[in-house]
Amino acid sequence: MNPITLTLPYAISANRYWATRTVPAKGARKAMALAYVTAEAKAYKAQVEAICRAAGVTRPLPGRVAIDVQLFPHRPLDWKTRQRKLGAAWDDGVQCLDLDNANKVLLDALKDVAIEDDKW
């Protein structure tokens, strides 16, 4: 199969992808913490799905897949000034997502859209 190249929006933080709410105790039942996917995460997944569909991915690829991720954080407004002052290391201080968290969010957004499951 030919490789599929997708340029997706920068992943949202895992802290904003999932949230937890506490269901209070009631009667003999103990309080429970429930994790859920946020509205922001659903919007990100919808955006990823639209990009996949536009690229011709109409259903999840079955079985094992190989995914290569290149993460490009947003450049700050002063990136040119930083580059003049710091040279090649200008982006060392740019805030970006932890790569593991970015992969988790990205793979969850691709699940059931471009891939069957990220367990593969």
N, C-alpha and C. Protein backbone atom coordinates (compact mmCIF):
# COMPACT_ATOMS: atom_id res chain seq x y z
N MET A 1 0.84 -1.17 0.00
CA MET A 1 0.00 0.00 0.00
C MET A 1 0.89 1.25 0.00
N ASN A 2 0.46 2.25 -0.71
CA ASN A 2 1.20 3.51 -0.77
C ASN A 2 1.03 4.28 0.52
N PRO A 3 2.08 5.01 0.92
CA PRO A 3 1.96 5.80 2.14
C PRO A 3 0.94 6.93 1.97
N ILE A 4 0.34 7.29 3.07
CA ILE A 4 -0.60 8.42 3.11
C ILE A 4 0.07 9.50 3.94
N THR A 5 0.17 10.69 3.39
CA THR A 5 0.76 11.81 4.12
C THR A 5 -0.34 12.79 4.49
N LEU A 6 -0.43 13.07 5.77
CA LEU A 6 -1.43 14.01 6.28
C LEU A 6 -0.72 15.13 7.02
N THR A 7 -1.14 16.34 6.81
CA THR A 7 -0.66 17.47 7.61
C THR A 7 -1.82 17.87 8.50
N LEU A 8 -1.66 17.59 9.78
CA LEU A 8 -2.74 17.79 10.75
C LEU A 8 -2.43 18.99 11.64
N PRO A 9 -3.47 19.56 12.23
CA PRO A 9 -3.22 20.66 13.16
C PRO A 9 -2.43 20.17 14.37
N TYR A 10 -1.69 21.09 14.95
CA TYR A 10 -0.92 20.77 16.15
C TYR A 10 -1.87 20.19 17.20
N ALA A 11 -1.46 19.09 17.78
CA ALA A 11 -2.32 18.41 18.75
C ALA A 11 -2.58 19.29 19.97
N ILE A 12 -3.78 19.14 20.53
CA ILE A 12 -4.07 19.86 21.77
C ILE A 12 -3.43 19.10 22.92
N SER A 13 -3.29 19.76 24.02
CA SER A 13 -2.70 19.14 25.21
C SER A 13 -3.56 17.98 25.69
N ALA A 14 -2.91 16.93 26.17
CA ALA A 14 -3.64 15.80 26.74
C ALA A 14 -4.49 16.26 27.93
N ASN A 15 -4.03 17.31 28.61
CA ASN A 15 -4.79 17.85 29.74
C ASN A 15 -6.09 18.51 29.29
N ARG A 16 -6.14 18.91 28.02
CA ARG A 16 -7.36 19.51 27.49
C ARG A 16 -8.16 18.50 26.67
N TYR A 17 -7.56 17.36 26.35
CA TYR A 17 -8.26 16.32 25.56
C TYR A 17 -9.19 15.52 26.46
N TRP A 18 -8.69 15.16 27.63
CA TRP A 18 -9.50 14.42 28.60
C TRP A 18 -9.71 15.28 29.83
N ALA A 19 -10.84 15.12 30.43
CA ALA A 19 -11.11 15.81 31.69
C ALA A 19 -11.74 14.79 32.63
N THR A 20 -11.74 15.11 33.89
CA THR A 20 -12.31 14.21 34.89
C THR A 20 -13.34 14.98 35.70
N ARG A 21 -14.42 14.33 35.97
CA ARG A 21 -15.40 14.93 36.88
C ARG A 21 -15.71 13.90 37.95
N THR A 22 -16.08 14.39 39.10
CA THR A 22 -16.38 13.52 40.23
C THR A 22 -17.90 13.41 40.37
N VAL A 23 -18.36 12.18 40.42
CA VAL A 23 -19.77 11.92 40.68
C VAL A 23 -19.87 11.70 42.18
N PRO A 24 -20.65 12.53 42.88
CA PRO A 24 -20.69 12.43 44.33
C PRO A 24 -21.32 11.11 44.81
N ALA A 25 -20.96 10.78 46.02
CA ALA A 25 -21.51 9.57 46.64
C ALA A 25 -23.01 9.73 46.81
N LYS A 26 -23.72 8.61 46.67
CA LYS A 26 -25.17 8.63 46.85
C LYS A 26 -25.56 7.33 47.53
N GLY A 27 -26.10 7.45 48.68
CA GLY A 27 -26.48 6.25 49.43
C GLY A 27 -25.25 5.43 49.78
N ALA A 28 -25.30 4.14 49.44
CA ALA A 28 -24.18 3.23 49.74
C ALA A 28 -23.09 3.31 48.68
N ARG A 29 -23.38 3.98 47.58
CA ARG A 29 -22.41 4.08 46.48
C ARG A 29 -21.32 5.09 46.83
N LYS A 30 -20.09 4.74 46.54
CA LYS A 30 -18.95 5.64 46.77
C LYS A 30 -18.86 6.67 45.65
N ALA A 31 -18.22 7.78 45.94
CA ALA A 31 -17.96 8.78 44.91
C ALA A 31 -17.06 8.16 43.85
N MET A 32 -17.26 8.58 42.59
CA MET A 32 -16.49 8.03 41.48
C MET A 32 -15.91 9.17 40.65
N ALA A 33 -14.75 8.95 40.12
CA ALA A 33 -14.15 9.89 39.18
C ALA A 33 -14.34 9.32 37.77
N LEU A 34 -14.93 10.12 36.90
CA LEU A 34 -15.16 9.70 35.52
C LEU A 34 -14.33 10.54 34.57
N ALA A 35 -13.59 9.89 33.69
CA ALA A 35 -12.82 10.59 32.67
C ALA A 35 -13.68 10.66 31.41
N TYR A 36 -13.59 11.79 30.71
CA TYR A 36 -14.36 11.95 29.49
C TYR A 36 -13.57 12.79 28.49
N VAL A 37 -13.97 12.69 27.23
CA VAL A 37 -13.35 13.47 26.16
C VAL A 37 -14.05 14.82 26.12
N THR A 38 -13.28 15.89 26.11
CA THR A 38 -13.83 17.24 26.17
C THR A 38 -14.42 17.68 24.83
N ALA A 39 -15.18 18.75 24.85
CA ALA A 39 -15.73 19.33 23.62
C ALA A 39 -14.59 19.79 22.70
N GLU A 40 -13.51 20.35 23.28
CA GLU A 40 -12.36 20.77 22.49
C GLU A 40 -11.73 19.57 21.78
N ALA A 41 -11.67 18.44 22.48
CA ALA A 41 -11.11 17.22 21.89
C ALA A 41 -12.00 16.72 20.75
N LYS A 42 -13.30 16.77 20.95
CA LYS A 42 -14.23 16.34 19.89
C LYS A 42 -14.08 17.23 18.66
N ALA A 43 -13.89 18.53 18.87
CA ALA A 43 -13.69 19.45 17.75
C ALA A 43 -12.37 19.14 17.04
N TYR A 44 -11.30 18.83 17.80
CA TYR A 44 -10.01 18.47 17.21
C TYR A 44 -10.16 17.19 16.38
N LYS A 45 -10.84 16.20 16.94
CA LYS A 45 -11.03 14.93 16.22
C LYS A 45 -11.83 15.16 14.94
N ALA A 46 -12.86 16.01 14.98
CA ALA A 46 -13.65 16.32 13.79
C ALA A 46 -12.79 16.99 12.73
N GLN A 47 -11.88 17.87 13.16
CA GLN A 47 -10.97 18.54 12.23
C GLN A 47 -10.02 17.52 11.60
N VAL A 48 -9.49 16.60 12.39
CA VAL A 48 -8.62 15.55 11.88
C VAL A 48 -9.38 14.67 10.90
N GLU A 49 -10.61 14.33 11.24
CA GLU A 49 -11.43 13.49 10.36
C GLU A 49 -11.68 14.19 9.02
N ALA A 50 -11.99 15.47 9.04
CA ALA A 50 -12.23 16.21 7.80
C ALA A 50 -10.99 16.22 6.91
N ILE A 51 -9.82 16.38 7.52
CA ILE A 51 -8.56 16.37 6.76
C ILE A 51 -8.31 14.98 6.17
N CYS A 52 -8.58 13.95 6.94
CA CYS A 52 -8.42 12.58 6.44
C CYS A 52 -9.34 12.32 5.25
N ARG A 53 -10.60 12.71 5.38
CA ARG A 53 -11.57 12.51 4.30
C ARG A 53 -11.13 13.26 3.04
N ALA A 54 -10.66 14.50 3.22
CA ALA A 54 -10.20 15.30 2.07
C ALA A 54 -8.99 14.65 1.40
N ALA A 55 -8.20 13.89 2.15
CA ALA A 55 -7.02 13.21 1.60
C ALA A 55 -7.39 11.85 1.01
N GLY A 56 -8.67 11.49 1.06
CA GLY A 56 -9.10 10.23 0.46
C GLY A 56 -9.18 9.06 1.41
N VAL A 57 -8.97 9.30 2.69
CA VAL A 57 -9.09 8.23 3.69
C VAL A 57 -10.56 8.14 4.06
N THR A 58 -11.25 7.15 3.51
CA THR A 58 -12.70 7.04 3.72
C THR A 58 -13.08 6.06 4.82
N ARG A 59 -12.13 5.21 5.18
CA ARG A 59 -12.39 4.29 6.29
C ARG A 59 -11.07 3.94 6.95
N PRO A 60 -11.12 3.46 8.19
CA PRO A 60 -9.88 3.14 8.88
C PRO A 60 -9.09 2.05 8.17
N LEU A 61 -7.78 2.20 8.13
CA LEU A 61 -6.92 1.17 7.56
C LEU A 61 -6.93 -0.03 8.50
N PRO A 62 -7.14 -1.23 7.97
CA PRO A 62 -7.22 -2.41 8.83
C PRO A 62 -5.84 -2.88 9.28
N GLY A 63 -5.80 -3.44 10.49
CA GLY A 63 -4.58 -4.09 10.98
C GLY A 63 -3.48 -3.13 11.37
N ARG A 64 -2.26 -3.63 11.23
CA ARG A 64 -1.08 -2.88 11.67
C ARG A 64 -0.75 -1.75 10.70
N VAL A 65 -0.35 -0.63 11.27
CA VAL A 65 0.07 0.52 10.47
C VAL A 65 1.36 1.08 11.06
N ALA A 66 2.11 1.79 10.25
CA ALA A 66 3.29 2.50 10.73
C ALA A 66 2.99 3.99 10.60
N ILE A 67 3.26 4.73 11.65
CA ILE A 67 2.97 6.16 11.66
C ILE A 67 4.25 6.91 12.00
N ASP A 68 4.58 7.88 11.17
CA ASP A 68 5.74 8.73 11.39
C ASP A 68 5.20 10.12 11.71
N VAL A 69 5.56 10.66 12.85
CA VAL A 69 5.05 11.96 13.29
C VAL A 69 6.19 12.97 13.33
N GLN A 70 5.97 14.10 12.72
CA GLN A 70 6.89 15.23 12.84
C GLN A 70 6.08 16.35 13.49
N LEU A 71 6.54 16.80 14.63
CA LEU A 71 5.82 17.80 15.40
C LEU A 71 6.46 19.17 15.22
N PHE A 72 5.67 20.12 14.75
CA PHE A 72 6.14 21.48 14.54
C PHE A 72 5.34 22.42 15.43
N PRO A 73 5.90 22.84 16.57
CA PRO A 73 5.16 23.74 17.45
C PRO A 73 4.95 25.11 16.80
N HIS A 74 3.95 25.81 17.28
CA HIS A 74 3.69 27.16 16.79
C HIS A 74 4.89 28.05 17.07
N ARG A 75 5.25 28.85 16.09
CA ARG A 75 6.35 29.80 16.30
C ARG A 75 5.82 31.02 17.04
N PRO A 76 6.55 31.47 18.04
CA PRO A 76 6.13 32.70 18.73
C PRO A 76 6.30 33.91 17.81
N LEU A 77 5.62 34.97 18.12
CA LEU A 77 5.68 36.17 17.28
C LEU A 77 7.10 36.72 17.16
N ASP A 78 7.91 36.52 18.18
CA ASP A 78 9.28 37.06 18.16
C ASP A 78 10.31 36.04 17.68
N TRP A 79 9.92 35.08 16.89
CA TRP A 79 10.84 34.01 16.51
C TRP A 79 12.04 34.54 15.71
N LYS A 80 11.85 35.54 14.89
CA LYS A 80 12.97 36.08 14.10
C LYS A 80 14.00 36.74 15.02
N THR A 81 13.51 37.48 16.02
CA THR A 81 14.41 38.11 16.98
C THR A 81 15.19 37.04 17.74
N ARG A 82 14.48 36.01 18.19
CA ARG A 82 15.15 34.90 18.89
C ARG A 82 16.19 34.26 18.00
N GLN A 83 15.85 34.06 16.73
CA GLN A 83 16.78 33.40 15.80
C GLN A 83 18.05 34.24 15.61
N ARG A 84 17.90 35.56 15.52
CA ARG A 84 19.07 36.43 15.38
C ARG A 84 19.96 36.35 16.61
N LYS A 85 19.35 36.31 17.79
CA LYS A 85 20.11 36.30 19.04
C LYS A 85 20.70 34.93 19.36
N LEU A 86 19.94 33.87 19.10
CA LEU A 86 20.33 32.54 19.57
C LEU A 86 20.77 31.57 18.48
N GLY A 87 20.61 31.96 17.23
CA GLY A 87 21.00 31.07 16.14
C GLY A 87 20.14 29.83 16.07
N ALA A 88 20.77 28.69 15.83
CA ALA A 88 20.04 27.44 15.64
C ALA A 88 19.28 26.99 16.89
N ALA A 89 19.66 27.50 18.04
CA ALA A 89 19.00 27.10 19.29
C ALA A 89 17.83 28.03 19.64
N TRP A 90 17.36 28.84 18.69
CA TRP A 90 16.32 29.83 18.98
C TRP A 90 15.04 29.20 19.53
N ASP A 91 14.76 27.99 19.11
CA ASP A 91 13.48 27.38 19.52
C ASP A 91 13.59 26.49 20.77
N ASP A 92 14.76 26.47 21.41
CA ASP A 92 14.90 25.65 22.62
C ASP A 92 13.97 26.09 23.73
N GLY A 93 13.62 27.36 23.76
CA GLY A 93 12.75 27.87 24.82
C GLY A 93 11.28 27.96 24.43
N VAL A 94 10.93 27.50 23.22
CA VAL A 94 9.55 27.57 22.76
C VAL A 94 8.73 26.47 23.46
N GLN A 95 7.62 26.89 24.02
CA GLN A 95 6.76 25.91 24.71
C GLN A 95 6.11 25.00 23.67
N CYS A 96 6.20 23.70 23.92
CA CYS A 96 5.55 22.73 23.04
C CYS A 96 5.09 21.55 23.86
N LEU A 97 4.27 20.73 23.25
CA LEU A 97 3.75 19.56 23.95
C LEU A 97 4.83 18.51 24.13
N ASP A 98 4.71 17.74 25.18
CA ASP A 98 5.54 16.56 25.35
C ASP A 98 5.21 15.62 24.20
N LEU A 99 6.21 15.07 23.56
CA LEU A 99 5.99 14.24 22.37
C LEU A 99 5.09 13.04 22.67
N ASP A 100 5.25 12.41 23.83
CA ASP A 100 4.40 11.28 24.17
C ASP A 100 2.94 11.69 24.25
N ASN A 101 2.67 12.84 24.86
CA ASN A 101 1.29 13.32 24.96
C ASN A 101 0.73 13.69 23.59
N ALA A 102 1.56 14.31 22.75
CA ALA A 102 1.12 14.67 21.40
C ALA A 102 0.76 13.41 20.61
N ASN A 103 1.60 12.38 20.71
CA ASN A 103 1.30 11.12 20.02
C ASN A 103 0.00 10.50 20.52
N LYS A 104 -0.22 10.50 21.82
CA LYS A 104 -1.43 9.92 22.39
C LYS A 104 -2.67 10.63 21.86
N VAL A 105 -2.65 11.96 21.90
CA VAL A 105 -3.79 12.74 21.41
C VAL A 105 -3.99 12.51 19.92
N LEU A 106 -2.91 12.53 19.15
CA LEU A 106 -2.99 12.32 17.71
C LEU A 106 -3.55 10.95 17.38
N LEU A 107 -3.03 9.92 18.02
CA LEU A 107 -3.49 8.56 17.74
C LEU A 107 -4.95 8.36 18.15
N ASP A 108 -5.36 8.97 19.24
CA ASP A 108 -6.77 8.88 19.64
C ASP A 108 -7.66 9.59 18.62
N ALA A 109 -7.19 10.71 18.07
CA ALA A 109 -7.97 11.42 17.06
C ALA A 109 -8.06 10.62 15.75
N LEU A 110 -7.03 9.85 15.44
CA LEU A 110 -7.03 9.04 14.21
C LEU A 110 -7.80 7.73 14.36
N LYS A 111 -8.03 7.30 15.60
CA LYS A 111 -8.71 6.02 15.85
C LYS A 111 -10.13 6.08 15.27
N ASP A 112 -10.50 5.03 14.57
CA ASP A 112 -11.80 4.87 13.92
C ASP A 112 -12.00 5.85 12.76
N VAL A 113 -10.97 6.61 12.42
CA VAL A 113 -11.02 7.52 11.28
C VAL A 113 -10.05 7.04 10.21
N ALA A 114 -8.77 6.96 10.57
CA ALA A 114 -7.74 6.51 9.64
C ALA A 114 -7.11 5.18 10.05
N ILE A 115 -7.19 4.86 11.34
CA ILE A 115 -6.68 3.58 11.83
C ILE A 115 -7.77 2.91 12.66
N GLU A 116 -7.73 1.58 12.70
CA GLU A 116 -8.72 0.85 13.48
C GLU A 116 -8.55 1.13 14.98
N ASP A 117 -7.31 0.99 15.43
CA ASP A 117 -7.06 1.15 16.86
C ASP A 117 -5.57 1.41 17.03
N ASP A 118 -5.23 2.23 18.02
CA ASP A 118 -3.81 2.51 18.23
C ASP A 118 -3.09 1.37 18.94
N LYS A 119 -3.81 0.29 19.25
CA LYS A 119 -3.12 -0.88 19.81
C LYS A 119 -2.26 -1.57 18.78
N TRP A 120 -2.55 -1.34 17.49
CA TRP A 120 -1.77 -1.96 16.42
C TRP A 120 -0.50 -1.17 16.20
